[in-house]
């Protein structure tokens, strides 16, 4: 494991994709389930805001990485 959780997660995902018969939709569903588990660790009163923040970050990261918008220099993505 490195100091970069994002890099560690991507490495695990890439290893799964290298397996014969890898299913991208199934893998995305499993990652989403892990995110749901993480959100459920928060106090109940904070879960809806945390889910909204996670979805907002997903949308922002997708738009930036797809080139649809310029990367926000204040966001810690790589």
N, C-alpha and C. Protein backbone atom coordinates (compact mmCIF):
# COMPACT_ATOMS: atom_id res chain seq x y z
N UNK A 1 0.84 -1.17 0.00
CA UNK A 1 0.00 0.00 0.00
C UNK A 1 0.89 1.24 0.00
N UNK A 2 0.47 2.24 -0.74
CA UNK A 2 1.22 3.49 -0.81
C UNK A 2 0.52 4.53 0.06
N UNK A 3 1.02 5.74 -0.02
CA UNK A 3 0.39 6.85 0.70
C UNK A 3 -0.79 7.42 -0.08
N UNK A 4 -1.03 6.92 -1.28
CA UNK A 4 -2.08 7.45 -2.15
C UNK A 4 -3.21 6.42 -2.27
N UNK A 5 -4.29 6.65 -1.56
CA UNK A 5 -5.43 5.72 -1.60
C UNK A 5 -5.98 5.59 -3.02
N UNK A 6 -6.07 6.71 -3.73
CA UNK A 6 -6.57 6.72 -5.11
C UNK A 6 -5.74 5.77 -5.98
N UNK A 7 -4.41 5.86 -5.84
CA UNK A 7 -3.52 5.00 -6.63
C UNK A 7 -3.68 3.53 -6.24
N UNK A 8 -3.81 3.26 -4.95
CA UNK A 8 -3.98 1.89 -4.47
C UNK A 8 -5.28 1.29 -4.99
N UNK A 9 -6.35 2.06 -4.95
CA UNK A 9 -7.65 1.57 -5.45
C UNK A 9 -7.56 1.29 -6.94
N UNK A 10 -6.96 2.22 -7.69
CA UNK A 10 -6.84 2.01 -9.14
C UNK A 10 -5.99 0.79 -9.47
N UNK A 11 -4.96 0.54 -8.68
CA UNK A 11 -4.14 -0.65 -8.89
C UNK A 11 -4.97 -1.92 -8.68
N UNK A 12 -5.77 -1.95 -7.63
CA UNK A 12 -6.64 -3.10 -7.39
C UNK A 12 -7.65 -3.30 -8.52
N UNK A 13 -8.23 -2.19 -8.99
CA UNK A 13 -9.19 -2.25 -10.09
C UNK A 13 -8.52 -2.78 -11.36
N UNK A 14 -7.33 -2.28 -11.67
CA UNK A 14 -6.62 -2.73 -12.86
C UNK A 14 -6.32 -4.22 -12.78
N UNK A 15 -5.95 -4.73 -11.61
CA UNK A 15 -5.69 -6.16 -11.46
C UNK A 15 -6.96 -6.96 -11.73
N UNK A 16 -8.10 -6.47 -11.28
CA UNK A 16 -9.37 -7.15 -11.55
C UNK A 16 -9.69 -7.15 -13.04
N UNK A 17 -9.39 -6.02 -13.70
CA UNK A 17 -9.68 -5.91 -15.13
C UNK A 17 -8.78 -6.82 -15.98
N UNK A 18 -7.63 -7.17 -15.46
CA UNK A 18 -6.71 -8.05 -16.18
C UNK A 18 -7.19 -9.51 -16.19
N UNK A 19 -8.11 -9.82 -15.31
CA UNK A 19 -8.60 -11.19 -15.24
C UNK A 19 -9.47 -11.49 -16.46
N UNK A 20 -9.39 -12.73 -16.92
CA UNK A 20 -10.20 -13.14 -18.06
C UNK A 20 -11.69 -13.03 -17.71
N UNK A 21 -12.45 -12.46 -18.61
CA UNK A 21 -13.88 -12.32 -18.40
C UNK A 21 -14.25 -11.17 -17.48
N UNK A 22 -13.32 -10.25 -17.26
CA UNK A 22 -13.60 -9.11 -16.39
C UNK A 22 -14.80 -8.33 -16.93
N UNK A 23 -15.67 -7.93 -16.02
CA UNK A 23 -16.89 -7.22 -16.38
C UNK A 23 -16.82 -5.82 -15.78
N UNK A 24 -16.66 -4.82 -16.64
CA UNK A 24 -16.49 -3.45 -16.20
C UNK A 24 -17.71 -2.96 -15.41
N UNK A 25 -18.90 -3.31 -15.86
CA UNK A 25 -20.11 -2.89 -15.15
C UNK A 25 -20.19 -3.50 -13.75
N UNK A 26 -19.82 -4.77 -13.63
CA UNK A 26 -19.83 -5.43 -12.33
C UNK A 26 -18.78 -4.81 -11.42
N UNK A 27 -17.62 -4.51 -11.97
CA UNK A 27 -16.57 -3.89 -11.17
C UNK A 27 -17.00 -2.51 -10.69
N UNK A 28 -17.62 -1.73 -11.55
CA UNK A 28 -18.13 -0.41 -11.15
C UNK A 28 -19.18 -0.55 -10.05
N UNK A 29 -20.02 -1.56 -10.14
CA UNK A 29 -21.03 -1.80 -9.11
C UNK A 29 -20.39 -2.15 -7.78
N UNK A 30 -19.31 -2.91 -7.81
CA UNK A 30 -18.62 -3.28 -6.57
C UNK A 30 -17.94 -2.07 -5.93
N UNK A 31 -17.36 -1.21 -6.76
CA UNK A 31 -16.74 0.02 -6.25
C UNK A 31 -17.82 0.91 -5.63
N UNK A 32 -18.98 1.00 -6.29
CA UNK A 32 -20.09 1.79 -5.76
C UNK A 32 -20.56 1.22 -4.43
N UNK A 33 -20.61 -0.10 -4.32
CA UNK A 33 -21.02 -0.72 -3.07
C UNK A 33 -20.03 -0.39 -1.95
N UNK A 34 -18.75 -0.38 -2.27
CA UNK A 34 -17.74 -0.01 -1.27
C UNK A 34 -17.92 1.43 -0.83
N UNK A 35 -18.25 2.31 -1.76
CA UNK A 35 -18.50 3.70 -1.41
C UNK A 35 -19.73 3.81 -0.50
N UNK A 36 -20.76 3.03 -0.79
CA UNK A 36 -21.94 3.02 0.08
C UNK A 36 -21.58 2.55 1.48
N UNK A 37 -20.75 1.52 1.58
CA UNK A 37 -20.29 1.05 2.90
C UNK A 37 -19.54 2.15 3.64
N UNK A 38 -18.71 2.89 2.92
CA UNK A 38 -17.96 3.98 3.54
C UNK A 38 -18.90 5.07 4.04
N UNK A 39 -19.88 5.44 3.23
CA UNK A 39 -20.85 6.47 3.63
C UNK A 39 -21.61 6.03 4.87
N UNK A 40 -21.94 4.76 4.95
CA UNK A 40 -22.69 4.25 6.10
C UNK A 40 -21.87 4.26 7.39
N UNK A 41 -20.56 4.44 7.30
CA UNK A 41 -19.73 4.55 8.50
C UNK A 41 -19.91 5.91 9.18
N UNK A 42 -20.39 6.88 8.42
CA UNK A 42 -20.60 8.22 8.99
C UNK A 42 -21.84 8.21 9.88
N UNK A 43 -21.93 9.15 10.82
CA UNK A 43 -23.15 9.26 11.63
C UNK A 43 -24.36 9.45 10.71
N UNK A 44 -25.48 8.90 11.09
CA UNK A 44 -26.69 8.94 10.26
C UNK A 44 -27.03 10.35 9.80
N UNK A 45 -26.85 11.32 10.67
CA UNK A 45 -27.19 12.70 10.33
C UNK A 45 -26.29 13.28 9.24
N UNK A 46 -25.13 12.68 9.03
CA UNK A 46 -24.17 13.19 8.04
C UNK A 46 -24.17 12.41 6.73
N UNK A 47 -24.86 11.29 6.69
CA UNK A 47 -24.78 10.40 5.53
C UNK A 47 -25.30 11.02 4.25
N UNK A 48 -26.41 11.74 4.30
CA UNK A 48 -26.95 12.31 3.06
C UNK A 48 -26.02 13.37 2.49
N UNK A 49 -25.42 14.20 3.34
CA UNK A 49 -24.48 15.21 2.85
C UNK A 49 -23.23 14.53 2.29
N UNK A 50 -22.75 13.50 2.96
CA UNK A 50 -21.57 12.79 2.48
C UNK A 50 -21.85 12.14 1.12
N UNK A 51 -23.05 11.56 0.95
CA UNK A 51 -23.39 10.97 -0.34
C UNK A 51 -23.47 12.05 -1.41
N UNK A 52 -24.06 13.19 -1.10
CA UNK A 52 -24.14 14.29 -2.07
C UNK A 52 -22.73 14.77 -2.44
N UNK A 53 -21.87 14.90 -1.46
CA UNK A 53 -20.49 15.32 -1.73
C UNK A 53 -19.77 14.31 -2.61
N UNK A 54 -19.96 13.03 -2.33
CA UNK A 54 -19.32 11.97 -3.11
C UNK A 54 -19.81 12.01 -4.56
N UNK A 55 -21.10 12.18 -4.76
CA UNK A 55 -21.64 12.24 -6.12
C UNK A 55 -21.16 13.49 -6.86
N UNK A 56 -21.06 14.60 -6.14
CA UNK A 56 -20.55 15.83 -6.73
C UNK A 56 -19.09 15.64 -7.16
N UNK A 57 -18.30 15.02 -6.29
CA UNK A 57 -16.89 14.76 -6.62
C UNK A 57 -16.76 13.80 -7.80
N UNK A 58 -17.63 12.80 -7.86
CA UNK A 58 -17.62 11.87 -8.99
C UNK A 58 -17.87 12.62 -10.29
N UNK A 59 -18.90 13.44 -10.30
CA UNK A 59 -19.22 14.21 -11.50
C UNK A 59 -18.09 15.14 -11.91
N UNK A 60 -17.52 15.85 -10.94
CA UNK A 60 -16.42 16.77 -11.20
C UNK A 60 -15.21 16.02 -11.76
N UNK A 61 -14.84 14.92 -11.11
CA UNK A 61 -13.69 14.14 -11.57
C UNK A 61 -13.91 13.60 -12.97
N UNK A 62 -15.12 13.11 -13.25
CA UNK A 62 -15.42 12.58 -14.58
C UNK A 62 -15.29 13.66 -15.64
N UNK A 63 -15.87 14.82 -15.38
CA UNK A 63 -15.81 15.91 -16.36
C UNK A 63 -14.38 16.37 -16.60
N UNK A 64 -13.59 16.46 -15.53
CA UNK A 64 -12.20 16.87 -15.68
C UNK A 64 -11.38 15.82 -16.43
N UNK A 65 -11.49 14.57 -16.03
CA UNK A 65 -10.68 13.51 -16.63
C UNK A 65 -11.10 13.20 -18.07
N UNK A 66 -12.36 13.45 -18.41
CA UNK A 66 -12.81 13.22 -19.78
C UNK A 66 -12.47 14.40 -20.69
N UNK A 67 -12.01 15.50 -20.08
CA UNK A 67 -11.66 16.67 -20.87
C UNK A 67 -12.82 17.58 -21.18
N UNK A 68 -13.99 17.28 -20.61
CA UNK A 68 -15.17 18.11 -20.88
C UNK A 68 -15.03 19.50 -20.25
N UNK A 69 -14.29 19.58 -19.13
CA UNK A 69 -14.02 20.86 -18.49
C UNK A 69 -12.56 20.88 -18.07
N UNK A 70 -12.06 22.08 -17.84
CA UNK A 70 -10.69 22.21 -17.34
C UNK A 70 -10.64 21.78 -15.89
N UNK A 71 -9.52 21.19 -15.53
CA UNK A 71 -9.33 20.74 -14.15
C UNK A 71 -9.30 21.93 -13.22
N UNK A 72 -9.96 21.76 -12.09
CA UNK A 72 -9.96 22.76 -11.03
C UNK A 72 -8.63 22.64 -10.30
N UNK A 73 -7.82 23.66 -10.37
CA UNK A 73 -6.48 23.61 -9.76
C UNK A 73 -6.53 23.39 -8.25
N UNK A 74 -7.66 23.70 -7.62
CA UNK A 74 -7.75 23.53 -6.17
C UNK A 74 -8.11 22.10 -5.77
N UNK A 75 -8.52 21.28 -6.74
CA UNK A 75 -8.88 19.90 -6.42
C UNK A 75 -7.64 19.02 -6.45
N UNK A 76 -7.51 18.13 -5.48
CA UNK A 76 -6.30 17.30 -5.36
C UNK A 76 -6.32 16.04 -6.22
N UNK A 77 -6.68 16.16 -7.48
CA UNK A 77 -6.74 14.98 -8.35
C UNK A 77 -5.43 14.85 -9.13
N UNK A 78 -5.17 13.61 -9.55
CA UNK A 78 -4.05 13.37 -10.46
C UNK A 78 -4.40 12.30 -11.44
